[in-house]
C-alpha atoms as a PDB file:
ATOM      1  CA  MET A   1     109.120 111.434 106.499  1.00  0.00           C
ATOM      2  CA  PRO A   2     106.228 109.889 108.401  1.00  0.00           C
ATOM      3  CA  GLN A   3     105.261 106.335 107.685  1.00  0.00           C
ATOM      4  CA  THR A   4     102.464 105.858 105.000  1.00  0.00           C
ATOM      5  CA  THR A   5      99.702 103.415 105.680  1.00  0.00           C
ATOM      6  CA  ILE A   6      98.229 101.643 102.632  1.00  0.00           C
ATOM      7  CA  GLY A   7      94.990  99.584 102.913  1.00  0.00           C
ATOM      8  CA  LEU A   8      94.417  96.323 101.068  1.00  0.00           C
ATOM      9  CA  ILE A   9      91.096  94.535 100.549  1.00  0.00           C
ATOM     10  CA  VAL A  10      91.994  90.846 100.107  1.00  0.00           C
ATOM     11  CA  PRO A  11      89.799  87.888  99.136  1.00  0.00           C
ATOM     12  CA  PRO A  12      90.554  85.374 101.918  1.00  0.00           C
ATOM     13  CA  ALA A  13      88.600  85.614 105.241  1.00  0.00           C
ATOM     14  CA  ALA A  14      91.672  86.001 107.434  1.00  0.00           C
ATOM     15  CA  GLY A  15      92.449  89.377 105.984  1.00  0.00           C
ATOM     16  CA  LEU A  16      96.254  89.006 106.088  1.00  0.00           C
ATOM     17  CA  VAL A  17      98.612  91.223 104.152  1.00  0.00           C
ATOM     18  CA  PRO A  18     100.174  89.144 101.300  1.00  0.00           C
ATOM     19  CA  ALA A  19     103.876  88.319 101.937  1.00  0.00           C
ATOM     20  CA  ASP A  20     104.901  90.134  98.829  1.00  0.00           C
ATOM     21  CA  GLY A  21     104.462  93.542 100.519  1.00  0.00           C
ATOM     22  CA  GLN A  22     107.107  92.700 103.181  1.00  0.00           C
ATOM     23  CA  ALA A  23     109.453  91.060 100.614  1.00  0.00           C
ATOM     24  CA  LEU A  24     109.304  94.150  98.335  1.00  0.00           C
ATOM     25  CA  TYR A  25     109.245  97.049 100.664  1.00  0.00           C
ATOM     26  CA  ALA A  26     110.487  95.932 104.118  1.00  0.00           C
ATOM     27  CA  ASN A  27     112.891  98.805 104.291  1.00  0.00           C
ATOM     28  CA  ARG A  28     110.430 101.575 103.370  1.00  0.00           C
ATOM     29  CA  ASP A  29     108.395 103.964 105.393  1.00  0.00           C
ATOM     30  CA  VAL A  30     105.237 102.178 104.479  1.00  0.00           C
ATOM     31  CA  ARG A  31     102.870  99.974 106.426  1.00  0.00           C
ATOM     32  CA  PHE A  32     100.243  97.682 104.869  1.00  0.00           C
ATOM     33  CA  ILE A  33      97.019  96.771 106.562  1.00  0.00           C
ATOM     34  CA  ALA A  34      94.321  94.468 105.228  1.00  0.00           C
ATOM     35  CA  ARG A  35      90.657  93.430 105.568  1.00  0.00           C
ATOM     36  CA  GLY A  36      89.268  90.189 104.220  1.00  0.00           C
ATOM     37  CA  LEU A  37      86.209  89.642 102.010  1.00  0.00           C
ATOM     38  CA  ALA A  38      85.867  85.878 102.843  1.00  0.00           C
ATOM     39  CA  ILE A  39      85.136  84.806  99.328  1.00  0.00           C
ATOM     40  CA  PRO A  40      83.784  81.175  99.285  1.00  0.00           C
ATOM     41  CA  GLY A  41      85.351  80.372  95.877  1.00  0.00           C
ATOM     42  CA  ILE A  42      87.143  81.770  92.874  1.00  0.00           C
ATOM     43  CA  SER A  43      84.162  81.995  90.477  1.00  0.00           C
ATOM     44  CA  PRO A  44      81.538  84.448  89.489  1.00  0.00           C
ATOM     45  CA  GLU A  45      79.060  82.820  91.842  1.00  0.00           C
ATOM     46  CA  GLY A  46      81.524  83.069  94.695  1.00  0.00           C
ATOM     47  CA  PHE A  47      82.344  86.702  94.006  1.00  0.00           C
ATOM     48  CA  ASP A  48      78.647  87.678  93.825  1.00  0.00           C
ATOM     49  CA  THR A  49      78.377  86.901  97.535  1.00  0.00           C
ATOM     50  CA  VAL A  50      80.914  89.353  98.666  1.00  0.00           C
ATOM     51  CA  VAL A  51      81.203  92.063  96.046  1.00  0.00           C
ATOM     52  CA  ASP A  52      78.812  94.386  97.827  1.00  0.00           C
ATOM     53  CA  ARG A  53      81.032  94.430 100.830  1.00  0.00           C
ATOM     54  CA  ILE A  54      83.978  96.148  99.048  1.00  0.00           C
ATOM     55  CA  LEU A  55      83.039  99.732  99.746  1.00  0.00           C
ATOM     56  CA  GLN A  56      82.443  98.950 103.428  1.00  0.00           C
ATOM     57  CA  LEU A  57      85.922  97.510 103.833  1.00  0.00           C
ATOM     58  CA  ALA A  58      87.537 100.403 101.924  1.00  0.00           C
ATOM     59  CA  VAL A  59      85.944 102.769 104.448  1.00  0.00           C
ATOM     60  CA  GLU A  60      87.138 100.647 107.330  1.00  0.00           C
ATOM     61  CA  LEU A  61      90.663 100.780 105.949  1.00  0.00           C
ATOM     62  CA  ARG A  62      90.442 104.545 105.630  1.00  0.00           C
ATOM     63  CA  ASP A  63      89.210 104.870 109.221  1.00  0.00           C
ATOM     64  CA  ALA A  64      92.135 102.664 110.287  1.00  0.00           C
ATOM     65  CA  GLY A  65      94.648 105.212 108.787  1.00  0.00           C
ATOM     66  CA  ALA A  66      95.074 104.183 105.175  1.00  0.00           C
ATOM     67  CA  LYS A  67      96.066 106.860 102.737  1.00  0.00           C
ATOM     68  CA  ALA A  68      95.371 104.700  99.748  1.00  0.00           C
ATOM     69  CA  VAL A  69      93.310 101.560  99.097  1.00  0.00           C
ATOM     70  CA  SER A  70      93.587  98.686  96.680  1.00  0.00           C
ATOM     71  CA  LEU A  71      91.191  95.833  95.979  1.00  0.00           C
ATOM     72  CA  MET A  72      93.809  93.001  95.806  1.00  0.00           C
ATOM     73  CA  GLY A  73      91.670  90.565  93.778  1.00  0.00           C
ATOM     74  CA  THR A  74      92.112  90.273  90.069  1.00  0.00           C
ATOM     75  CA  SER A  75      89.293  88.175  88.805  1.00  0.00           C
ATOM     76  CA  LEU A  76      87.088  89.694  91.604  1.00  0.00           C
ATOM     77  CA  SER A  77      87.594  93.106  90.003  1.00  0.00           C
ATOM     78  CA  PHE A  78      87.396  92.186  86.248  1.00  0.00           C
ATOM     79  CA  TYR A  79      84.665  89.464  86.253  1.00  0.00           C
ATOM     80  CA  ARG A  80      81.773  91.838  85.504  1.00  0.00           C
ATOM     81  CA  GLY A  81      83.566  93.683  82.717  1.00  0.00           C
ATOM     82  CA  ALA A  82      85.715  96.750  82.214  1.00  0.00           C
ATOM     83  CA  ASP A  83      82.929  99.193  82.944  1.00  0.00           C
ATOM     84  CA  PHE A  84      82.287  97.599  86.240  1.00  0.00           C
ATOM     85  CA  THR A  85      85.984  97.628  87.052  1.00  0.00           C
ATOM     86  CA  ASP A  86      86.260 101.408  86.443  1.00  0.00           C
ATOM     87  CA  ASP A  87      83.030 102.135  88.205  1.00  0.00           C
ATOM     88  CA  LEU A  88      84.119 100.137  91.279  1.00  0.00           C
ATOM     89  CA  ARG A  89      87.343 102.024  91.572  1.00  0.00           C
ATOM     90  CA  GLU A  90      85.438 105.395  91.268  1.00  0.00           C
ATOM     91  CA  ARG A  91      82.973 104.246  93.911  1.00  0.00           C
ATOM     92  CA  MET A  92      85.879 103.281  96.236  1.00  0.00           C
ATOM     93  CA  ARG A  93      87.356 106.717  95.654  1.00  0.00           C
ATOM     94  CA  GLN A  94      84.057 108.421  96.433  1.00  0.00           C
ATOM     95  CA  ALA A  95      83.382 106.403  99.504  1.00  0.00           C
ATOM     96  CA  THR A  96      86.756 106.953 101.101  1.00  0.00           C
ATOM     97  CA  GLY A  97      88.068 110.194  99.640  1.00  0.00           C
ATOM     98  CA  LEU A  98      91.301 108.451  98.952  1.00  0.00           C
ATOM     99  CA  PRO A  99      93.327 107.356  95.979  1.00  0.00           C
ATOM    100  CA  CYS A 100      92.034 103.859  95.076  1.00  0.00           C
ATOM    101  CA  THR A 101      92.828 101.152  92.646  1.00  0.00           C
ATOM    102  CA  THR A 102      92.200  97.464  92.012  1.00  0.00           C
ATOM    103  CA  MET A 103      94.399  94.541  90.953  1.00  0.00           C
ATOM    104  CA  SER A 104      92.795  94.484  87.539  1.00  0.00           C
ATOM    105  CA  HIS A 105      93.937  98.110  87.050  1.00  0.00           C
ATOM    106  CA  ALA A 106      97.364  97.032  88.330  1.00  0.00           C
ATOM    107  CA  ILE A 107      98.020  94.246  85.856  1.00  0.00           C
ATOM    108  CA  VAL A 108      97.096  96.491  82.954  1.00  0.00           C
ATOM    109  CA  ALA A 109      99.250  99.361  84.334  1.00  0.00           C
ATOM    110  CA  SER A 110     102.091  96.941  84.725  1.00  0.00           C
ATOM    111  CA  LEU A 111     101.775  95.547  81.127  1.00  0.00           C
ATOM    112  CA  ARG A 112     101.714  99.056  79.731  1.00  0.00           C
ATOM    113  CA  HIS A 113     104.674 100.027  81.836  1.00  0.00           C
ATOM    114  CA  LEU A 114     106.655  97.088  80.445  1.00  0.00           C
ATOM    115  CA  GLY A 115     105.565  97.950  76.858  1.00  0.00           C
ATOM    116  CA  VAL A 116     103.651  94.650  76.412  1.00  0.00           C
ATOM    117  CA  GLN A 117     100.721  94.750  73.997  1.00  0.00           C
ATOM    118  CA  ARG A 118     100.670  91.019  73.213  1.00  0.00           C
ATOM    119  CA  VAL A 119     100.789  88.824  76.238  1.00  0.00           C
ATOM    120  CA  ALA A 120     100.946  85.146  77.114  1.00  0.00           C
ATOM    121  CA  VAL A 121      98.648  84.587  80.112  1.00  0.00           C
ATOM    122  CA  ALA A 122      98.870  81.859  82.743  1.00  0.00           C
ATOM    123  CA  THR A 123      96.111  81.729  85.425  1.00  0.00           C
ATOM    124  CA  ALA A 124      94.613  79.767  88.239  1.00  0.00           C
ATOM    125  CA  TYR A 125      91.116  80.181  86.843  1.00  0.00           C
ATOM    126  CA  ILE A 126      88.343  78.202  85.322  1.00  0.00           C
ATOM    127  CA  ASP A 127      87.576  78.767  81.613  1.00  0.00           C
ATOM    128  CA  THR A 128      84.786  81.271  82.381  1.00  0.00           C
ATOM    129  CA  LEU A 129      87.185  83.592  84.177  1.00  0.00           C
ATOM    130  CA  ASN A 130      89.834  83.059  81.554  1.00  0.00           C
ATOM    131  CA  GLU A 131      87.393  84.170  78.823  1.00  0.00           C
ATOM    132  CA  ARG A 132      86.484  87.237  80.820  1.00  0.00           C
ATOM    133  CA  LEU A 133      90.149  88.103  81.424  1.00  0.00           C
ATOM    134  CA  VAL A 134      90.780  87.943  77.631  1.00  0.00           C
ATOM    135  CA  ALA A 135      87.865  90.356  77.126  1.00  0.00           C
ATOM    136  CA  TYR A 136      88.937  92.689  79.859  1.00  0.00           C
ATOM    137  CA  LEU A 137      92.513  92.977  78.545  1.00  0.00           C
ATOM    138  CA  ALA A 138      91.232  93.476  74.997  1.00  0.00           C
ATOM    139  CA  SER A 139      89.084  96.256  76.233  1.00  0.00           C
ATOM    140  CA  ARG A 140      92.389  97.913  77.373  1.00  0.00           C
ATOM    141  CA  GLY A 141      94.104  97.351  74.026  1.00  0.00           C
ATOM    142  CA  ILE A 142      96.058  94.309  75.086  1.00  0.00           C
ATOM    143  CA  THR A 143      95.931  91.093  73.015  1.00  0.00           C
ATOM    144  CA  VAL A 144      96.154  87.701  74.744  1.00  0.00           C
ATOM    145  CA  THR A 145      98.257  85.454  72.480  1.00  0.00           C
ATOM    146  CA  HIS A 146      97.404  82.395  74.449  1.00  0.00           C
ATOM    147  CA  ILE A 147      95.861  81.645  77.897  1.00  0.00           C
ATOM    148  CA  GLU A 148      95.805  78.557  80.049  1.00  0.00           C
ATOM    149  CA  GLY A 149      94.413  78.162  83.498  1.00  0.00           C
ATOM    150  CA  LEU A 150      94.653  75.577  86.300  1.00  0.00           C
ATOM    151  CA  SER A 151      90.839  75.461  86.887  1.00  0.00           C
ATOM    152  CA  ILE A 152      91.229  76.076  90.578  1.00  0.00           C
ATOM    153  CA  THR A 153      88.233  77.452  92.528  1.00  0.00           C
ATOM    154  CA  GLY A 154      89.404  76.792  96.132  1.00  0.00           C
ATOM    155  CA  VAL A 155      90.838  79.841  97.903  1.00  0.00           C
ATOM    156  CA  GLU A 156      93.456  77.928  99.883  1.00  0.00           C
ATOM    157  CA  ALA A 157      94.340  75.640  97.030  1.00  0.00           C
ATOM    158  CA  VAL A 158      95.694  78.575  94.976  1.00  0.00           C
ATOM    159  CA  GLY A 159      98.429  79.236  97.486  1.00  0.00           C
ATOM    160  CA  GLN A 160      99.645  75.657  97.398  1.00  0.00           C
ATOM    161  CA  VAL A 161     100.504  75.664  93.659  1.00  0.00           C
ATOM    162  CA  SER A 162     104.222  74.977  93.291  1.00  0.00           C
ATOM    163  CA  GLY A 163     106.638  77.209  91.520  1.00  0.00           C
ATOM    164  CA  ARG A 164     107.446  74.281  89.205  1.00  0.00           C
ATOM    165  CA  THR A 165     103.852  74.030  88.178  1.00  0.00           C
ATOM    166  CA  LEU A 166     103.513  77.681  87.440  1.00  0.00           C
ATOM    167  CA  THR A 167     106.854  77.751  85.540  1.00  0.00           C
ATOM    168  CA  GLU A 168     105.698  74.858  83.248  1.00  0.00           C
ATOM    169  CA  LEU A 169     102.312  76.595  82.695  1.00  0.00           C
ATOM    170  CA  VAL A 170     103.980  79.834  81.696  1.00  0.00           C
ATOM    171  CA  GLU A 171     106.331  77.988  79.327  1.00  0.00           C
ATOM    172  CA  ARG A 172     103.413  76.319  77.651  1.00  0.00           C
ATOM    173  CA  THR A 173     101.505  79.546  77.152  1.00  0.00           C
ATOM    174  CA  VAL A 174     104.599  81.307  75.665  1.00  0.00           C
ATOM    175  CA  ALA A 175     105.373  78.317  73.390  1.00  0.00           C
ATOM    176  CA  ALA A 176     101.827  78.345  71.993  1.00  0.00           C
ATOM    177  CA  ASP A 177     102.457  81.674  70.169  1.00  0.00           C
ATOM    178  CA  PRO A 178     105.908  83.088  69.816  1.00  0.00           C
ATOM    179  CA  THR A 179     104.571  86.603  69.101  1.00  0.00           C
ATOM    180  CA  ALA A 180     104.062  87.245  72.798  1.00  0.00           C
ATOM    181  CA  GLN A 181     105.914  90.283  74.005  1.00  0.00           C
ATOM    182  CA  GLY A 182     105.590  89.390  77.753  1.00  0.00           C
ATOM    183  CA  VAL A 183     104.018  87.230  80.381  1.00  0.00           C
ATOM    184  CA  LEU A 184     101.092  87.698  82.815  1.00  0.00           C
ATOM    185  CA  ILE A 185     100.495  85.220  85.680  1.00  0.00           C
ATOM    186  CA  SER A 186      96.975  86.156  86.941  1.00  0.00           C
ATOM    187  CA  CYS A 187      95.499  85.383  90.326  1.00  0.00           C
ATOM    188  CA  GLY A 188      96.491  87.157  93.457  1.00  0.00           C
ATOM    189  CA  GLY A 189      96.699  84.006  95.560  1.00  0.00           C
ATOM    190  CA  LEU A 190      99.361  82.383  93.415  1.00  0.00           C
ATOM    191  CA  LEU A 191     102.873  82.790  94.865  1.00  0.00           C
ATOM    192  CA  THR A 192     104.707  84.316  91.890  1.00  0.00           C
ATOM    193  CA  LEU A 193     107.124  87.023  93.086  1.00  0.00           C
ATOM    194  CA  ASP A 194     110.228  84.763  93.180  1.00  0.00           C
ATOM    195  CA  LEU A 195     109.395  83.489  89.641  1.00  0.00           C
ATOM    196  CA  HIS A 196     109.822  86.910  87.925  1.00  0.00           C
ATOM    197  CA  VAL A 197     113.598  86.985  87.570  1.00  0.00           C
ATOM    198  CA  PRO A 198     114.113  83.249  86.703  1.00  0.00           C
ATOM    199  CA  LEU A 199     111.376  83.434  83.993  1.00  0.00           C
ATOM    200  CA  GLU A 200     112.580  86.631  82.527  1.00  0.00           C
ATOM    201  CA  HIS A 201     116.063  85.126  82.215  1.00  0.00           C
ATOM    202  CA  LYS A 202     114.830  81.888  80.751  1.00  0.00           C
ATOM    203  CA  LEU A 203     112.193  83.289  78.327  1.00  0.00           C
ATOM    204  CA  GLY A 204     113.758  86.596  77.483  1.00  0.00           C
ATOM    205  CA  LEU A 205     110.446  88.416  78.146  1.00  0.00           C
ATOM    206  CA  PRO A 206     109.228  90.723  80.903  1.00  0.00           C
ATOM    207  CA  VAL A 207     107.004  89.141  83.413  1.00  0.00           C
ATOM    208  CA  THR A 208     104.261  90.547  85.658  1.00  0.00           C
ATOM    209  CA  SER A 209     101.819  88.890  87.934  1.00  0.00           C
ATOM    210  CA  SER A 210      98.839  89.818  90.095  1.00  0.00           C
ATOM    211  CA  SER A 211     100.101  90.254  93.652  1.00  0.00           C
ATOM    212  CA  PRO A 212     103.499  91.826  92.809  1.00  0.00           C
ATOM    213  CA  ALA A 213     101.813  94.071  90.329  1.00  0.00           C
ATOM    214  CA  GLY A 214      99.164  94.970  92.898  1.00  0.00           C
ATOM    215  CA  PHE A 215     101.742  96.124  95.363  1.00  0.00           C
ATOM    216  CA  TRP A 216     103.723  98.036  92.696  1.00  0.00           C
ATOM    217  CA  ASP A 217     100.530  99.724  91.572  1.00  0.00           C
ATOM    218  CA  VAL A 218      99.224 100.804  94.971  1.00  0.00           C
ATOM    219  CA  MET A 219     102.673 102.140  95.885  1.00  0.00           C
ATOM    220  CA  ARG A 220     102.499 104.344  92.839  1.00  0.00           C
ATOM    221  CA  VAL A 221      98.869 105.453  93.464  1.00  0.00           C
ATOM    222  CA  ALA A 222      99.917 106.481  97.002  1.00  0.00           C
ATOM    223  CA  GLY A 223     102.689 108.576  95.381  1.00  0.00           C
ATOM    224  CA  LEU A 224     105.518 106.400  96.647  1.00  0.00           C
ATOM    225  CA  ASP A 225     108.586 104.891  94.935  1.00  0.00           C
ATOM    226  CA  ALA A 226     107.461 101.368  93.801  1.00  0.00           C
ATOM    227  CA  SER A 227     110.979 100.177  92.736  1.00  0.00           C
ATOM    228  CA  SER A 228     112.532  97.221  94.344  1.00  0.00           C
ATOM    229  CA  PRO A 229     115.750  96.009  92.712  1.00  0.00           C
ATOM    230  CA  GLY A 230     116.081  92.192  92.366  1.00  0.00           C
ATOM    231  CA  PHE A 231     112.579  91.414  91.537  1.00  0.00           C
ATOM    232  CA  GLY A 232     112.470  91.771  87.810  1.00  0.00           C
ATOM    233  CA  ARG A 233     111.994  94.420  85.176  1.00  0.00           C
ATOM    234  CA  LEU A 234     108.796  95.819  86.608  1.00  0.00           C
ATOM    235  CA  PHE A 235     110.581  96.827  89.817  1.00  0.00           C
ATOM    236  CA  ALA A 236     113.643  98.263  88.181  1.00  0.00           C
ATOM    237  CA  PRO A 237     114.290 101.779  89.550  1.00  0.00           C
ATOM    238  CA  ASP A 238     114.521 103.451  86.132  1.00  0.00           C
ATOM    239  CA  ARG A 239     110.947 102.234  85.498  1.00  0.00           C
ATOM    240  CA  ALA A 240     109.166 102.186  88.771  1.00  0.00           C
ATOM    241  CA  LEU A 241     110.159 105.768  89.816  1.00  0.00           C
ATOM    242  CA  GLU A 242     107.639 106.933  87.232  1.00  0.00           C
ATOM    243  CA  ARG A 243     104.329 107.937  88.811  1.00  0.00           C
ATOM    244  CA  ALA A 244     100.943 106.576  88.045  1.00  0.00           C
ATOM    245  CA  ALA A 245      98.863 108.697  85.730  1.00  0.00           C
END
C-alpha cells in the first residue's frame, strides 16, 4: 500500500508536525506534513488575525500531496461558535476537494466514541475561551460538569506546562463534580499524550485531549486505522478501527 500523506494546519509559525503523530503512528504507511498560521496569541483577538489564511494553507497542503487535511487548533476552530466550525470545515473541503476536519470536530468525535456525555474539562485557556468551549460542547449535546483553565495566551508557554501541573488540574476538575463520565484536556499545544494512561488508571475515567484526538480523528477521516495500543482507551484497536461517519 502506498504511503498516505496527511496535511495539518498548526497554530505556531514554525509549522512543525506535533510530536504526537510520530509517537502514535511511526510504524504506519502515513506521512504528516504541516503549515503554520503564526497566531500571535491564544485569544479571540489573536485568532482574528490569522483565521482568513486557513483555506490558503489547506490548498497548499493539498498541492504538497496531502490526501486529507485537519486544522489542528481547538479554540481556533470553536471560538466563533458551532456554525462557524462546521462552515469552516465545509469551506476547507470545497477549497481542496479533500476530506477535511478540525480539532474541534476531533474532540467531539473522541468524546462520543468513548461514550462520554458529561465531561470534566481542563484547558490552557482564558475564561472567555472556556465559556465558548462550554457553549460549543453543549451545542453538540455534551455537558461540561466543571471547567478550569490555566489562563495562558502565549503560544510557546503552552508547550512548557508540566505533566504534574496538568495532572493536578485534571484532578481538580473531576473532583468538582463526581458525575463526570470522562475527561477532556483542551488546547493542542499542551503535551498530553503520555498522560492518558496514568490518568485513566488513577481516575477510572476515559481521557481524551486535543492533539492526540486530532491525530486520531484525521487518521479516520483519511480512511486509515487510528488505533495505537498503549495510549489509552481512545486508541484501543476495538474502538479505533471504526470509521468516521
